[in-house]
């Protein structure tokens, strides 16, 4: 029988249940990782006993696993942001480095830079390390202004390029295209999967047209600030039929950029047409950037590889260790 275990480090204090699971003062542990939520979180409910007294701005790291197989996997690292003491417990909330992106505002214009170059520079200004970036669109000009945090500017760039944007378990930023997952985890119905629900809906549109605001490459590299009445050679199109979704972004100033953005938005709609959520026994190895391969599911359309969009790990004294995964189609 597997015994859930974890190593929780807050500041200089460590709770390690690998050898003595019963010694922990932790009542509830929850890790929420989500590509569609600005900042991932670690929420710990502590009994008001013991020497662990977290403070705001303490570094927090959590490793999860099982005491029986001798291995723990780091699932999140962040910084304590909120403390909620009561008479019987203390609620500790830590956020990943995405919180720094949300707090950073920049006014800057980039010329002839790839999306990756812009993202790396913004991350540097927010003091966030970068793990991986794909190049993405090259923008003749791209304006970042202080009306939105750098996180939302990065998310806009990811949407135009068809990339994912998230923070990995080491607190480093990832900005890249999903092409099947760094790791694909096989989950069998009635063996690994405790609960499963899925939703199939028609795509939002049958066609996407992307438009910018100038003739761009049609009039030379220095023409990006011009306006035009004829976008016929510069719009991007993906898919066919009706209805048509219009994507208008001032930054799409070349035919290649408009085409890439149209394809990215069309692909996003197609992938969201089949999505779902499952609950499995605690699986700390499943993380953002991975895929899950469902097998032996009664509904044949679900027996394939999906992209992991969110992961919630939870350990409670009453229910043990579980992992909830939200997924969507990617093919």
Protein backbone atom coordinates (compact mmCIF):
# COMPACT_ATOMS: atom_id res chain seq x y z
CA UNK A 1 0.00 0.00 0.00
CA UNK A 2 1.38 3.39 -1.02
CA UNK A 3 1.65 6.02 1.70
CA UNK A 4 1.40 9.64 0.48
CA UNK A 5 4.35 11.77 1.51
CA UNK A 6 5.61 15.28 0.95
CA UNK A 7 8.42 17.66 1.73
CA UNK A 8 7.24 21.20 2.40
CA UNK A 9 9.84 23.92 2.76
CA UNK A 10 8.78 27.40 3.89
CA UNK A 11 11.61 29.79 4.63
CA UNK A 12 14.19 27.76 6.53
CA UNK A 13 11.68 25.32 8.03
CA UNK A 14 11.02 21.89 6.53
CA UNK A 15 8.20 19.40 7.06
CA UNK A 16 9.25 16.01 5.63
CA UNK A 17 6.77 13.15 6.06
CA UNK A 18 8.76 10.54 4.16
CA UNK A 19 9.77 8.75 7.35
CA UNK A 20 7.05 9.86 9.78
CA UNK A 21 3.77 10.68 7.98
CA UNK A 22 1.91 11.00 11.30
CA UNK A 23 4.18 13.79 12.55
CA UNK A 24 2.93 16.47 10.14
CA UNK A 25 1.00 19.51 11.37
CA UNK A 26 -0.40 20.06 7.87
CA UNK A 27 -4.17 19.58 7.72
CA UNK A 28 -4.67 20.29 4.01
CA UNK A 29 -2.30 20.76 1.05
CA UNK A 30 -3.45 22.03 -2.34
CA UNK A 31 -1.45 22.90 -5.46
CA UNK A 32 -3.32 24.53 -8.35
CA UNK A 33 -1.50 24.78 -11.70
CA UNK A 34 -3.48 26.24 -14.58
CA UNK A 35 -2.52 27.64 -17.99
CA UNK A 36 -5.65 29.81 -18.02
CA UNK A 37 -5.15 31.29 -14.55
CA UNK A 38 -2.61 34.10 -14.10
CA UNK A 39 -0.77 32.78 -11.02
CA UNK A 40 -0.49 29.19 -9.84
CA UNK A 41 -0.82 28.68 -6.11
CA UNK A 42 0.17 26.54 -3.15
CA UNK A 43 -2.35 26.60 -0.30
CA UNK A 44 -1.43 25.03 3.04
CA UNK A 45 -3.67 24.72 6.08
CA UNK A 46 -1.51 24.36 9.19
CA UNK A 47 -2.59 23.36 12.66
CA UNK A 48 -1.47 25.91 15.25
CA UNK A 49 1.13 23.60 16.76
CA UNK A 50 4.81 23.08 16.12
CA UNK A 51 7.58 25.53 15.24
CA UNK A 52 6.60 26.32 11.65
CA UNK A 53 5.58 29.99 11.61
CA UNK A 54 5.51 31.22 8.00
CA UNK A 55 6.09 34.86 7.15
CA UNK A 56 5.15 36.84 4.08
CA UNK A 57 7.81 36.72 1.34
CA UNK A 58 9.19 33.40 2.60
CA UNK A 59 10.24 31.07 -0.21
CA UNK A 60 7.97 28.00 -0.43
CA UNK A 61 8.65 24.71 -2.22
CA UNK A 62 6.62 21.51 -2.25
CA UNK A 63 7.65 18.00 -3.26
CA UNK A 64 5.04 15.25 -3.48
CA UNK A 65 5.17 11.47 -3.77
CA UNK A 66 4.96 8.30 -1.72
CA UNK A 67 7.03 7.18 1.23
CA UNK A 68 7.02 3.57 -0.01
CA UNK A 69 8.84 4.08 -3.32
CA UNK A 70 11.54 6.44 -2.07
CA UNK A 71 10.99 9.29 -4.49
CA UNK A 72 9.46 12.76 -4.31
CA UNK A 73 8.79 15.11 -7.23
CA UNK A 74 8.94 18.89 -6.93
CA UNK A 75 5.58 20.25 -8.09
CA UNK A 76 5.73 23.96 -7.26
CA UNK A 77 7.94 26.72 -5.95
CA UNK A 78 6.87 30.22 -5.05
CA UNK A 79 6.68 32.93 -2.42
CA UNK A 80 4.31 33.27 0.53
CA UNK A 81 1.87 36.11 -0.21
CA UNK A 82 -1.01 35.69 2.24
CA UNK A 83 -1.38 34.45 5.81
CA UNK A 84 -4.74 33.79 7.42
CA UNK A 85 -4.39 32.84 11.09
CA UNK A 86 -7.40 31.71 13.13
CA UNK A 87 -7.76 30.26 16.63
CA UNK A 88 -7.17 26.69 15.44
CA UNK A 89 -5.14 26.91 12.20
CA UNK A 90 -3.21 29.11 9.78
CA UNK A 91 -3.92 29.32 6.06
CA UNK A 92 -0.78 29.95 4.03
CA UNK A 93 -0.98 30.96 0.35
CA UNK A 94 2.08 31.10 -1.90
CA UNK A 95 2.16 32.12 -5.55
CA UNK A 96 4.62 31.23 -8.27
CA UNK A 97 6.82 33.74 -10.10
CA UNK A 98 3.85 34.53 -12.35
CA UNK A 99 2.83 36.91 -9.56
CA UNK A 100 5.90 39.00 -10.40
CA UNK A 101 4.73 39.20 -14.01
CA UNK A 102 1.33 40.41 -12.81
CA UNK A 103 2.94 43.15 -10.70
CA UNK A 104 5.28 44.45 -13.42
CA UNK A 105 4.21 47.22 -15.81
CA UNK A 106 6.31 48.42 -18.73
CA UNK A 107 6.03 51.11 -21.42
CA UNK A 108 8.18 50.05 -24.35
CA UNK A 109 8.15 49.69 -28.14
CA UNK A 110 9.99 46.79 -29.75
CA UNK A 111 11.10 46.93 -33.38
CA UNK A 112 11.89 43.89 -35.52
CA UNK A 113 11.78 41.48 -32.59
CA UNK A 114 10.43 37.96 -32.37
CA UNK A 115 7.75 37.15 -29.81
CA UNK A 116 10.35 35.16 -27.86
CA UNK A 117 12.74 38.11 -27.71
CA UNK A 118 9.96 40.33 -26.36
CA UNK A 119 8.90 37.73 -23.79
CA UNK A 120 12.46 37.18 -22.58
CA UNK A 121 13.03 40.91 -22.17
CA UNK A 122 9.77 41.38 -20.26
CA UNK A 123 10.57 38.41 -18.04
CA UNK A 124 13.99 39.91 -17.31
CA UNK A 125 12.37 43.20 -16.27
CA UNK A 126 10.11 41.23 -13.92
CA UNK A 127 13.13 39.27 -12.55
CA UNK A 128 11.65 35.95 -13.71
CA UNK A 129 13.89 33.21 -15.12
CA UNK A 130 13.02 31.70 -18.50
CA UNK A 131 13.21 27.95 -19.14
CA UNK A 132 12.21 27.68 -22.81
CA UNK A 133 10.91 29.90 -25.61
CA UNK A 134 9.96 29.28 -29.23
CA UNK A 135 10.60 32.18 -31.61
CA UNK A 136 7.06 32.85 -32.81
CA UNK A 137 6.06 35.82 -34.98
CA UNK A 138 8.58 38.51 -35.92
CA UNK A 139 6.93 41.90 -35.35
CA UNK A 140 8.06 44.99 -37.31
CA UNK A 141 6.80 46.90 -34.26
CA UNK A 142 5.15 45.79 -31.04
CA UNK A 143 3.98 48.16 -28.31
CA UNK A 144 3.86 47.17 -24.65
CA UNK A 145 2.12 49.77 -22.48
CA UNK A 146 1.41 50.17 -18.80
CA UNK A 147 -2.33 49.67 -19.09
CA UNK A 148 -1.73 45.93 -18.64
CA UNK A 149 0.89 43.96 -16.73
CA UNK A 150 3.62 42.16 -18.62
CA UNK A 151 1.84 38.87 -17.93
CA UNK A 152 -1.14 39.90 -20.06
CA UNK A 153 1.13 41.19 -22.82
CA UNK A 154 2.89 37.82 -22.80
CA UNK A 155 -0.44 36.01 -22.91
CA UNK A 156 -1.51 38.10 -25.92
CA UNK A 157 1.74 37.19 -27.68
CA UNK A 158 1.19 33.51 -26.86
CA UNK A 159 -2.32 33.69 -28.31
CA UNK A 160 -1.14 35.28 -31.57
CA UNK A 161 1.63 32.70 -31.98
CA UNK A 162 -0.40 29.66 -30.90
CA UNK A 163 1.88 29.03 -27.90
CA UNK A 164 1.36 28.06 -24.28
CA UNK A 165 2.49 30.35 -21.48
CA UNK A 166 3.07 28.97 -17.99
CA UNK A 167 5.53 28.67 -15.12
CA UNK A 168 7.14 25.26 -14.56
CA UNK A 169 7.82 23.50 -11.25
CA UNK A 170 11.16 25.30 -10.90
CA UNK A 171 9.50 28.71 -11.15
CA UNK A 172 10.77 29.34 -14.68
CA UNK A 173 8.72 30.71 -17.58
CA UNK A 174 7.81 28.53 -20.57
CA UNK A 175 6.64 30.09 -23.87
CA UNK A 176 6.31 27.42 -26.56
CA UNK A 177 4.07 25.50 -28.92
CA UNK A 178 2.48 22.28 -27.69
CA UNK A 179 3.40 19.45 -30.07
CA UNK A 180 2.47 16.38 -28.04
CA UNK A 181 3.86 16.93 -24.56
CA UNK A 182 7.26 16.58 -22.94
CA UNK A 183 5.86 13.45 -21.28
CA UNK A 184 2.69 11.50 -22.08
CA UNK A 185 1.08 9.74 -19.11
CA UNK A 186 -1.09 6.69 -19.78
CA UNK A 187 -4.26 6.61 -17.68
CA UNK A 188 -6.65 3.66 -17.98
CA UNK A 189 -10.33 3.82 -17.21
CA UNK A 190 -11.33 1.89 -14.03
CA UNK A 191 -7.64 1.41 -13.22
CA UNK A 192 -6.06 4.84 -12.80
CA UNK A 193 -9.08 7.08 -13.36
CA UNK A 194 -11.42 7.59 -10.40
CA UNK A 195 -13.73 10.12 -12.08
CA UNK A 196 -14.07 11.34 -15.65
CA UNK A 197 -16.25 13.89 -17.37
CA UNK A 198 -15.96 15.35 -20.86
CA UNK A 199 -17.66 17.98 -22.96
CA UNK A 200 -17.91 18.06 -26.76
CA UNK A 201 -19.13 21.29 -28.36
CA UNK A 202 -19.01 22.69 -31.90
CA UNK A 203 -16.08 25.04 -32.60
CA UNK A 204 -16.88 28.72 -32.14
CA UNK A 205 -16.35 29.40 -35.85
CA UNK A 206 -15.63 27.54 -39.08
CA UNK A 207 -13.18 30.15 -40.33
CA UNK A 208 -10.84 32.73 -38.81
CA UNK A 209 -9.68 35.89 -40.57
CA UNK A 210 -6.89 37.94 -38.99
CA UNK A 211 -6.39 41.62 -39.75
CA UNK A 212 -3.80 44.22 -38.78
CA UNK A 213 -3.74 47.97 -39.26
CA UNK A 214 -1.29 48.82 -42.07
CA UNK A 215 0.03 47.70 -45.47
CA UNK A 216 3.18 46.45 -43.71
CA UNK A 217 5.35 44.36 -46.01
CA UNK A 218 3.16 45.33 -48.93
CA UNK A 219 4.83 48.78 -48.96
CA UNK A 220 8.21 47.97 -47.50
CA UNK A 221 9.73 47.47 -44.05
CA UNK A 222 9.37 51.15 -43.08
CA UNK A 223 5.64 51.30 -43.89
CA UNK A 224 4.32 49.77 -40.70
CA UNK A 225 2.70 53.00 -39.48
CA UNK A 226 0.66 53.60 -42.63
CA UNK A 227 -3.05 52.98 -42.91
CA UNK A 228 -4.65 51.26 -45.88
CA UNK A 229 -8.04 50.52 -47.38
CA UNK A 230 -6.94 47.28 -49.06
CA UNK A 231 -5.95 44.38 -46.79
CA UNK A 232 -6.52 41.70 -49.42
CA UNK A 233 -2.87 40.70 -49.59
CA UNK A 234 -2.19 40.99 -45.90
CA UNK A 235 -5.06 39.31 -44.08
CA UNK A 236 -4.62 35.84 -42.67
CA UNK A 237 -7.21 33.08 -43.13
CA UNK A 238 -7.59 29.63 -41.60
CA UNK A 239 -10.47 27.22 -42.09
CA UNK A 240 -13.45 27.72 -44.41
CA UNK A 241 -17.20 28.25 -44.26
CA UNK A 242 -19.47 30.15 -41.90
CA UNK A 243 -19.52 31.59 -39.34
CA UNK A 244 -16.30 33.61 -39.63
CA UNK A 245 -14.42 34.90 -36.61
CA UNK A 246 -12.61 38.22 -37.16
CA UNK A 247 -9.35 38.67 -35.28
CA UNK A 248 -8.18 42.28 -35.33
CA UNK A 249 -4.81 43.12 -33.79
CA UNK A 250 -2.74 46.25 -34.58
CA UNK A 251 0.49 44.27 -34.19
CA UNK A 252 -0.30 42.05 -37.21
CA UNK A 253 1.49 44.22 -39.76
CA UNK A 254 2.71 41.54 -42.18
CA UNK A 255 1.05 38.78 -44.16
CA UNK A 256 3.06 36.11 -42.32
CA UNK A 257 2.02 37.46 -38.92
CA UNK A 258 -1.66 37.61 -39.90
CA UNK A 259 -1.54 34.08 -41.29
CA UNK A 260 0.14 32.70 -38.15
CA UNK A 261 -2.36 34.42 -35.88
CA UNK A 262 -5.34 33.18 -37.89
CA UNK A 263 -4.07 29.59 -37.75
CA UNK A 264 -3.34 29.90 -34.02
CA UNK A 265 -6.86 31.11 -33.22
CA UNK A 266 -8.48 28.49 -35.47
CA UNK A 267 -6.43 25.74 -33.80
CA UNK A 268 -7.40 27.01 -30.33
CA UNK A 269 -11.10 26.78 -31.25
CA UNK A 270 -10.71 23.27 -32.65
CA UNK A 271 -8.91 22.02 -29.56
CA UNK A 272 -11.47 23.41 -27.14
CA UNK A 273 -14.24 21.54 -28.93
CA UNK A 274 -13.34 18.42 -26.90
CA UNK A 275 -12.24 18.92 -23.31
CA UNK A 276 -12.75 17.33 -19.93
CA UNK A 277 -11.65 16.69 -16.39
CA UNK A 278 -10.47 13.55 -14.62
CA UNK A 279 -9.53 12.55 -11.10
CA UNK A 280 -6.78 10.04 -10.44
CA UNK A 281 -4.68 8.80 -7.54
CA UNK A 282 -1.99 11.29 -6.57
CA UNK A 283 0.36 11.68 -9.56
CA UNK A 284 2.97 14.39 -8.91
CA UNK A 285 4.70 13.59 -12.20
CA UNK A 286 1.78 15.03 -14.20
CA UNK A 287 2.35 18.71 -14.87
CA UNK A 288 1.69 21.53 -17.32
CA UNK A 289 3.28 20.91 -20.70
CA UNK A 290 2.49 17.18 -20.55
CA UNK A 291 -0.04 14.99 -22.34
CA UNK A 292 -2.36 12.28 -21.00
CA UNK A 293 -3.27 9.22 -23.04
CA UNK A 294 -6.67 7.88 -21.99
CA UNK A 295 -7.30 4.19 -22.58
CA UNK A 296 -10.23 1.75 -22.22
CA UNK A 297 -12.76 4.58 -21.87
CA UNK A 298 -16.28 3.47 -22.92
CA UNK A 299 -16.57 6.56 -25.15
CA UNK A 300 -14.23 5.80 -28.09
CA UNK A 301 -13.58 9.46 -28.92
CA UNK A 302 -11.78 9.84 -25.59
CA UNK A 303 -9.26 7.06 -26.16
CA UNK A 304 -6.42 9.25 -27.39
CA UNK A 305 -3.78 11.74 -26.25
CA UNK A 306 -4.93 15.05 -24.76
CA UNK A 307 -3.10 18.17 -23.67
CA UNK A 308 -2.93 18.86 -19.93
CA UNK A 309 -4.34 22.34 -19.28
CA UNK A 310 -4.52 22.33 -15.50
CA UNK A 311 -3.41 20.14 -12.61
CA UNK A 312 -4.62 20.22 -9.01
CA UNK A 313 -2.75 18.10 -6.47
CA UNK A 314 -4.34 17.72 -3.05
CA UNK A 315 -3.50 15.90 0.16
CA UNK A 316 -5.86 15.81 3.13
CA UNK A 317 -5.83 13.63 6.21
CA UNK A 318 -9.34 12.45 5.38
CA UNK A 319 -9.15 11.76 1.61
CA UNK A 320 -5.48 11.12 1.00
CA UNK A 321 -3.59 12.16 -2.14
CA UNK A 322 -5.44 12.87 -5.40
CA UNK A 323 -4.68 14.66 -8.66
CA UNK A 324 -7.30 16.35 -10.83
CA UNK A 325 -6.43 17.04 -14.47
CA UNK A 326 -8.27 19.26 -16.93
CA UNK A 327 -7.47 18.40 -20.52
CA UNK A 328 -8.32 19.27 -24.11
CA UNK A 329 -7.82 17.83 -27.55
CA UNK A 330 -4.72 18.90 -29.48
CA UNK A 331 -4.95 16.93 -32.74
